[in-house]
Amino acid sequence: MRFYDRKEETKMFKAFFEAEDFKLFILYGRRRVGKTYLLKHSTQNRNGIFFSGRQISGELLLELFSQEAGKIMNMTGIHFKHWEEAFDFAFSNSEKINYLILDEFQYMVEAAPEIPSILQTLIDHRDTSLKLVLCGSSISFMHGLLS
């Protein structure tokens, strides 16, 4: 797939992912407009966790996230007991995990409503250089994160 008219977005994300300090970006829009592809393109040759939420149980979602974190860290058998432990792991390992992208974020929150408050606490109290991107196609839900 090729990009068309995405030069400004690519340039902006390049600066975002190269920043030395913590950054948060909330990206939302209609389905099938290229949000996920733009993020994947922008993170090529970078180390991080790109995780897509799905409409499944919170337990299974956490297990899938654990597996993804294990792949990135080249560690087998990672099994987080709760989301706070999972996200703290990413925030604490920002020298190896440069970014954490949570795609279809609304499905993650549907399965585990505690996620936004956990992330807020870590953002407020954890010193990290992680780049956090919350991405979703439910415009009303994502817009609600901003208010």
Protein backbone atom coordinates (compact mmCIF):
# COMPACT_ATOMS: atom_id res chain seq x y z
CA MET A 1 0.00 0.00 0.00
CA ARG A 2 1.26 3.47 -0.82
CA PHE A 3 0.65 6.70 0.99
CA TYR A 4 -1.11 9.50 -0.81
CA ASP A 5 -1.07 13.00 0.64
CA ARG A 6 0.32 11.81 4.00
CA LYS A 7 3.58 13.80 3.99
CA GLU A 8 2.55 16.16 6.79
CA GLU A 9 1.26 13.34 8.99
CA THR A 10 4.40 11.28 8.40
CA LYS A 11 6.62 14.26 9.25
CA MET A 12 4.61 14.99 12.40
CA PHE A 13 4.79 11.36 13.61
CA LYS A 14 8.52 11.20 12.87
CA ALA A 15 9.07 14.13 15.25
CA PHE A 16 6.65 12.60 17.76
CA PHE A 17 8.45 9.24 17.91
CA GLU A 18 11.91 10.85 17.99
CA ALA A 19 11.16 13.10 20.97
CA GLU A 20 13.23 12.34 24.04
CA ASP A 21 10.50 12.74 26.64
CA PHE A 22 7.07 11.21 27.21
CA LYS A 23 4.46 12.04 24.58
CA LEU A 24 0.76 11.19 24.27
CA PHE A 25 -1.16 11.29 21.02
CA ILE A 26 -4.85 10.53 20.58
CA LEU A 27 -5.79 9.60 17.02
CA TYR A 28 -9.34 8.93 15.93
CA GLY A 29 -11.45 8.93 12.82
CA ARG A 30 -13.80 6.90 10.69
CA ARG A 31 -13.01 3.29 9.87
CA ARG A 32 -10.94 2.45 6.80
CA VAL A 33 -9.21 5.84 6.39
CA GLY A 34 -5.68 4.57 7.12
CA LYS A 35 -5.08 5.36 10.81
CA THR A 36 -3.56 1.97 11.57
CA TYR A 37 -1.49 1.93 8.39
CA LEU A 38 -0.17 5.43 9.13
CA LEU A 39 0.91 4.34 12.62
CA LYS A 40 2.52 1.13 11.38
CA HIS A 41 4.34 3.06 8.66
CA SER A 42 5.53 5.63 11.21
CA THR A 43 6.93 2.99 13.56
CA GLN A 44 8.91 0.97 11.04
CA ASN A 45 12.42 0.30 12.37
CA ARG A 46 11.39 1.30 15.90
CA ASN A 47 10.88 -0.98 18.90
CA GLY A 48 7.57 -0.91 20.64
CA ILE A 49 4.24 -2.54 21.27
CA PHE A 50 1.48 -2.15 18.72
CA PHE A 51 -1.61 -3.74 20.19
CA SER A 52 -5.10 -3.82 18.70
CA GLY A 53 -8.09 -4.12 20.98
CA ARG A 54 -10.88 -6.55 20.13
CA GLN A 55 -14.29 -7.39 21.41
CA ILE A 56 -13.22 -10.26 23.65
CA SER A 57 -12.99 -10.78 27.39
CA GLY A 58 -10.66 -8.61 29.43
CA GLU A 59 -8.73 -11.68 30.56
CA LEU A 60 -8.06 -12.88 27.03
CA LEU A 61 -7.15 -9.36 25.93
CA LEU A 62 -4.62 -9.10 28.76
CA GLU A 63 -3.16 -12.48 27.82
CA LEU A 64 -2.74 -11.37 24.19
CA PHE A 65 -1.10 -8.15 25.36
CA SER A 66 1.26 -10.20 27.55
CA GLN A 67 2.27 -12.29 24.54
CA GLU A 68 2.91 -9.17 22.44
CA ALA A 69 5.06 -7.63 25.19
CA GLY A 70 6.99 -10.89 25.47
CA LYS A 71 7.74 -10.89 21.74
CA ILE A 72 9.06 -7.33 21.83
CA MET A 73 11.29 -8.05 24.84
CA ASN A 74 12.38 -11.49 23.56
CA MET A 75 11.03 -13.03 26.75
CA THR A 76 8.84 -16.08 26.89
CA GLY A 77 6.27 -16.70 29.57
CA ILE A 78 5.32 -13.12 30.37
CA HIS A 79 1.88 -13.19 31.95
CA PHE A 80 0.60 -9.98 33.48
CA LYS A 81 -1.97 -10.41 36.23
CA HIS A 82 -3.65 -7.06 35.65
CA TRP A 83 -3.49 -4.06 33.32
CA GLU A 84 -1.61 -1.88 35.79
CA GLU A 85 1.24 -4.39 35.80
CA ALA A 86 1.17 -4.59 32.00
CA PHE A 87 1.27 -0.85 31.39
CA ASP A 88 3.80 -0.27 34.18
CA PHE A 89 6.05 -2.79 32.40
CA ALA A 90 5.88 -0.72 29.19
CA PHE A 91 6.39 2.61 30.99
CA SER A 92 9.33 1.16 32.98
CA ASN A 93 11.09 -0.26 29.93
CA SER A 94 10.96 2.78 27.67
CA GLU A 95 14.62 2.31 26.72
CA LYS A 96 13.60 -0.91 24.91
CA ILE A 97 9.91 -0.25 24.32
CA ASN A 98 9.97 3.15 22.62
CA TYR A 99 6.25 3.30 21.96
CA LEU A 100 2.98 1.79 23.08
CA ILE A 101 0.19 2.04 20.51
CA LEU A 102 -3.24 0.91 21.64
CA ASP A 103 -5.33 0.63 18.48
CA GLU A 104 -9.11 0.23 18.65
CA PHE A 105 -8.76 1.56 22.16
CA GLN A 106 -12.53 1.65 22.68
CA TYR A 107 -12.65 -2.18 22.59
CA MET A 108 -9.95 -2.39 25.25
CA VAL A 109 -11.88 -0.06 27.56
CA GLU A 110 -15.09 -1.95 26.87
CA ALA A 111 -13.39 -5.15 28.09
CA ALA A 112 -11.45 -3.50 30.93
CA PRO A 113 -13.00 -0.17 32.03
CA GLU A 114 -10.13 0.50 34.46
CA ILE A 115 -7.62 1.08 31.64
CA PRO A 116 -8.00 4.89 31.28
CA SER A 117 -7.51 5.53 35.00
CA ILE A 118 -4.47 3.23 35.11
CA LEU A 119 -2.92 5.05 32.17
CA GLN A 120 -3.72 8.43 33.74
CA THR A 121 -1.99 7.43 36.98
CA LEU A 122 1.11 6.22 35.15
CA ILE A 123 1.22 9.36 33.00
CA ASP A 124 0.96 11.55 36.10
CA HIS A 125 3.44 9.67 38.30
CA ARG A 126 5.89 7.71 36.15
CA ASP A 127 9.02 9.26 34.66
CA THR A 128 9.34 7.70 31.20
CA SER A 129 10.28 8.49 27.63
CA LEU A 130 7.56 6.24 26.22
CA LYS A 131 5.44 7.46 23.32
CA LEU A 132 1.82 6.52 23.97
CA VAL A 133 -0.74 6.54 21.15
CA LEU A 134 -4.42 5.85 21.78
CA CYS A 135 -6.18 5.19 18.50
CA GLY A 136 -9.80 4.40 17.78
CA SER A 137 -12.59 4.47 15.28
CA SER A 138 -15.38 5.26 17.73
CA ILE A 139 -15.29 9.00 17.35
CA SER A 140 -17.69 9.74 20.20
CA PHE A 141 -15.72 7.50 22.60
CA MET A 142 -12.33 8.89 21.59
CA HIS A 143 -13.60 12.46 21.72
CA GLY A 144 -14.79 11.74 25.25
CA LEU A 145 -11.21 11.00 26.29
CA LEU A 146 -10.34 14.60 25.54
CA SER A 147 -13.02 16.18 27.70
